[in-house]
N, C-alpha and C. Protein backbone atom coordinates (compact mmCIF):
# COMPACT_ATOMS: atom_id res chain seq x y z
N UNK A 1 84.01 151.33 49.53
CA UNK A 1 84.23 151.05 50.94
C UNK A 1 85.61 151.59 51.32
N UNK A 2 85.71 151.88 52.59
CA UNK A 2 86.98 152.40 53.07
C UNK A 2 88.02 151.30 53.19
N UNK A 3 89.29 151.68 53.12
CA UNK A 3 90.35 150.67 53.21
C UNK A 3 90.38 149.95 54.56
N UNK A 4 89.98 150.64 55.64
CA UNK A 4 89.99 149.98 56.95
C UNK A 4 88.93 148.88 57.02
N UNK A 5 87.76 149.16 56.44
CA UNK A 5 86.69 148.18 56.45
C UNK A 5 87.07 146.96 55.61
N UNK A 6 87.69 147.19 54.46
CA UNK A 6 88.13 146.07 53.63
C UNK A 6 89.19 145.24 54.34
N UNK A 7 90.06 145.90 55.07
CA UNK A 7 91.10 145.20 55.81
C UNK A 7 90.48 144.29 56.88
N UNK A 8 89.50 144.83 57.63
CA UNK A 8 88.84 144.05 58.67
C UNK A 8 88.07 142.89 58.06
N UNK A 9 87.37 143.12 56.96
CA UNK A 9 86.64 142.03 56.30
C UNK A 9 87.59 140.95 55.78
N UNK A 10 88.76 141.35 55.31
CA UNK A 10 89.76 140.38 54.87
C UNK A 10 90.24 139.50 56.02
N UNK A 11 90.46 140.12 57.18
CA UNK A 11 90.90 139.35 58.35
C UNK A 11 89.80 138.38 58.78
N UNK A 12 88.55 138.84 58.80
CA UNK A 12 87.44 137.97 59.18
C UNK A 12 87.31 136.81 58.19
N UNK A 13 87.43 137.08 56.91
CA UNK A 13 87.32 136.03 55.90
C UNK A 13 88.47 135.02 56.03
N UNK A 14 89.68 135.52 56.30
CA UNK A 14 90.83 134.62 56.45
C UNK A 14 90.64 133.71 57.67
N UNK A 15 90.15 134.28 58.77
CA UNK A 15 89.93 133.45 59.95
C UNK A 15 88.81 132.43 59.70
N UNK A 16 87.80 132.82 58.96
CA UNK A 16 86.74 131.87 58.63
C UNK A 16 87.25 130.72 57.78
N UNK A 17 88.13 131.03 56.82
CA UNK A 17 88.69 129.98 55.97
C UNK A 17 89.58 129.03 56.78
N UNK A 18 90.38 129.59 57.68
CA UNK A 18 91.23 128.73 58.52
C UNK A 18 90.38 127.85 59.43
N UNK A 19 89.34 128.42 60.02
CA UNK A 19 88.47 127.64 60.89
C UNK A 19 87.77 126.52 60.14
N UNK A 20 87.32 126.79 58.93
CA UNK A 20 86.67 125.75 58.13
C UNK A 20 87.66 124.65 57.76
N UNK A 21 88.89 125.03 57.46
CA UNK A 21 89.90 124.02 57.11
C UNK A 21 90.22 123.13 58.30
N UNK A 22 90.34 123.73 59.50
CA UNK A 22 90.63 122.94 60.68
C UNK A 22 89.48 122.02 61.05
N UNK A 23 88.25 122.48 60.88
CA UNK A 23 87.11 121.63 61.19
C UNK A 23 86.95 120.51 60.17
N UNK A 24 87.42 120.73 58.96
CA UNK A 24 87.29 119.72 57.92
C UNK A 24 88.31 118.61 58.02
N UNK A 25 89.36 118.79 58.81
CA UNK A 25 90.39 117.76 58.95
C UNK A 25 89.84 116.57 59.72
N UNK A 26 90.38 115.41 59.42
CA UNK A 26 89.98 114.21 60.14
C UNK A 26 90.59 114.24 61.54
N UNK A 27 89.80 113.89 62.51
CA UNK A 27 90.30 113.86 63.88
C UNK A 27 91.04 112.55 64.12
N UNK A 28 91.84 112.54 65.16
CA UNK A 28 92.58 111.33 65.51
C UNK A 28 91.61 110.26 66.00
N UNK A 29 91.92 109.01 65.75
CA UNK A 29 91.03 107.95 66.25
C UNK A 29 91.05 107.92 67.77
N UNK A 30 89.94 107.63 68.41
CA UNK A 30 89.92 107.61 69.88
C UNK A 30 90.78 106.48 70.42
N UNK A 31 91.45 106.77 71.51
CA UNK A 31 92.31 105.76 72.14
C UNK A 31 91.48 104.89 73.07
N UNK A 32 91.84 103.64 73.15
CA UNK A 32 91.15 102.76 74.08
C UNK A 32 91.77 102.95 75.47
N UNK A 33 90.93 102.85 76.48
CA UNK A 33 91.42 103.04 77.84
C UNK A 33 92.29 101.87 78.28
N UNK A 34 93.31 102.19 79.03
CA UNK A 34 94.21 101.15 79.52
C UNK A 34 94.17 101.19 81.04
N UNK A 35 93.83 100.06 81.64
CA UNK A 35 93.80 99.98 83.10
C UNK A 35 95.21 99.71 83.60
N UNK A 36 95.68 100.55 84.50
CA UNK A 36 97.03 100.34 85.03
C UNK A 36 97.01 100.28 86.55
N UNK A 37 95.87 99.98 87.14
CA UNK A 37 95.76 99.86 88.59
C UNK A 37 95.92 98.38 88.93
N UNK A 38 97.08 98.00 89.42
CA UNK A 38 97.39 96.60 89.66
C UNK A 38 97.93 96.44 91.07
N UNK A 39 97.47 95.41 91.76
CA UNK A 39 98.02 95.11 93.09
C UNK A 39 99.41 94.52 92.92
N UNK A 40 100.36 95.05 93.68
CA UNK A 40 101.73 94.52 93.62
C UNK A 40 102.14 94.09 95.02
N UNK A 41 103.15 93.27 95.10
CA UNK A 41 103.65 92.82 96.39
C UNK A 41 104.76 93.74 96.90
N UNK A 42 105.03 94.82 96.20
CA UNK A 42 106.07 95.75 96.63
C UNK A 42 105.63 96.47 97.90
N UNK A 43 106.59 96.84 98.75
CA UNK A 43 106.21 97.55 99.98
C UNK A 43 105.63 98.93 99.66
N UNK A 44 104.78 99.39 100.56
CA UNK A 44 104.17 100.69 100.38
C UNK A 44 105.22 101.80 100.58
N UNK A 45 105.05 102.92 99.93
CA UNK A 45 106.01 104.01 100.13
C UNK A 45 105.89 104.58 101.54
N UNK A 46 106.95 105.26 101.98
CA UNK A 46 106.97 105.85 103.32
C UNK A 46 105.87 106.89 103.42
N UNK A 47 105.12 106.82 104.50
CA UNK A 47 104.04 107.78 104.69
C UNK A 47 104.04 108.22 106.14
N UNK A 48 104.09 109.51 106.36
CA UNK A 48 104.04 110.05 107.71
C UNK A 48 102.70 110.75 107.89
N UNK A 49 102.02 110.45 108.98
CA UNK A 49 100.72 111.08 109.22
C UNK A 49 100.93 112.58 109.38
N UNK A 50 100.04 113.37 108.82
CA UNK A 50 100.17 114.82 108.98
C UNK A 50 99.91 115.22 110.42
N UNK A 51 100.65 116.22 110.87
CA UNK A 51 100.45 116.71 112.23
C UNK A 51 99.15 117.49 112.30
N UNK A 52 98.59 117.53 113.48
CA UNK A 52 97.32 118.23 113.67
C UNK A 52 97.54 119.73 113.53
N UNK A 53 96.72 120.35 112.74
CA UNK A 53 96.79 121.79 112.58
C UNK A 53 95.80 122.44 113.53
N UNK A 54 96.28 123.37 114.30
CA UNK A 54 95.42 124.05 115.26
C UNK A 54 95.15 125.45 114.72
N UNK A 55 93.88 125.75 114.52
CA UNK A 55 93.53 127.04 113.96
C UNK A 55 93.68 128.15 114.99
N UNK A 56 93.33 127.86 116.23
CA UNK A 56 93.41 128.89 117.25
C UNK A 56 93.71 128.23 118.59
N UNK A 57 94.65 128.76 119.29
CA UNK A 57 94.98 128.21 120.59
C UNK A 57 94.25 129.03 121.64
N UNK A 58 93.49 128.35 122.48
CA UNK A 58 92.74 129.05 123.51
C UNK A 58 93.26 128.63 124.87
N UNK A 59 93.19 129.53 125.80
CA UNK A 59 93.55 129.22 127.17
C UNK A 59 92.28 129.33 128.01
N UNK A 60 92.07 128.41 128.94
CA UNK A 60 90.85 128.47 129.75
C UNK A 60 90.88 129.68 130.68
N UNK A 61 89.78 130.37 130.74
CA UNK A 61 89.64 131.52 131.62
C UNK A 61 88.82 131.13 132.83
N UNK A 62 88.83 131.97 133.83
CA UNK A 62 87.99 131.72 135.01
C UNK A 62 86.53 131.76 134.55
N UNK A 63 85.68 131.07 135.27
CA UNK A 63 84.27 131.02 134.87
C UNK A 63 83.67 132.42 134.85
N UNK A 64 82.88 132.67 133.87
CA UNK A 64 82.22 133.95 133.74
C UNK A 64 80.79 133.79 134.19
N UNK A 65 80.36 134.63 135.07
CA UNK A 65 78.99 134.56 135.55
C UNK A 65 78.14 135.50 134.74
N UNK A 66 77.03 134.97 134.24
CA UNK A 66 76.12 135.79 133.45
C UNK A 66 75.17 136.53 134.37
N UNK A 67 74.96 137.77 134.09
CA UNK A 67 74.04 138.55 134.90
C UNK A 67 72.62 138.36 134.38
N UNK A 68 71.65 138.23 135.31
CA UNK A 68 70.26 138.01 134.86
C UNK A 68 69.63 139.24 134.24
C-alpha cells in the first residue's frame, strides 16, 4: 500500500479509538431540577412601555373616483 493510504488509515483508526474511549466513559449523573420561581414582596423593576412603531406614515389624499 502507498504511504498516503497508510497515513489516512492511521488517522481513521486513531479517531475511532478516541471515539470508542469517549463513549466508554461514565457520564455524569443527571441533575435534579430546582424550582427557583418564587413570589417575593420586593417591588417590580422599572418598566417603560415600548413606544408604538409605525411602519409607514401615510397622509390622506383627496378622494379618488374610480372610472366605470
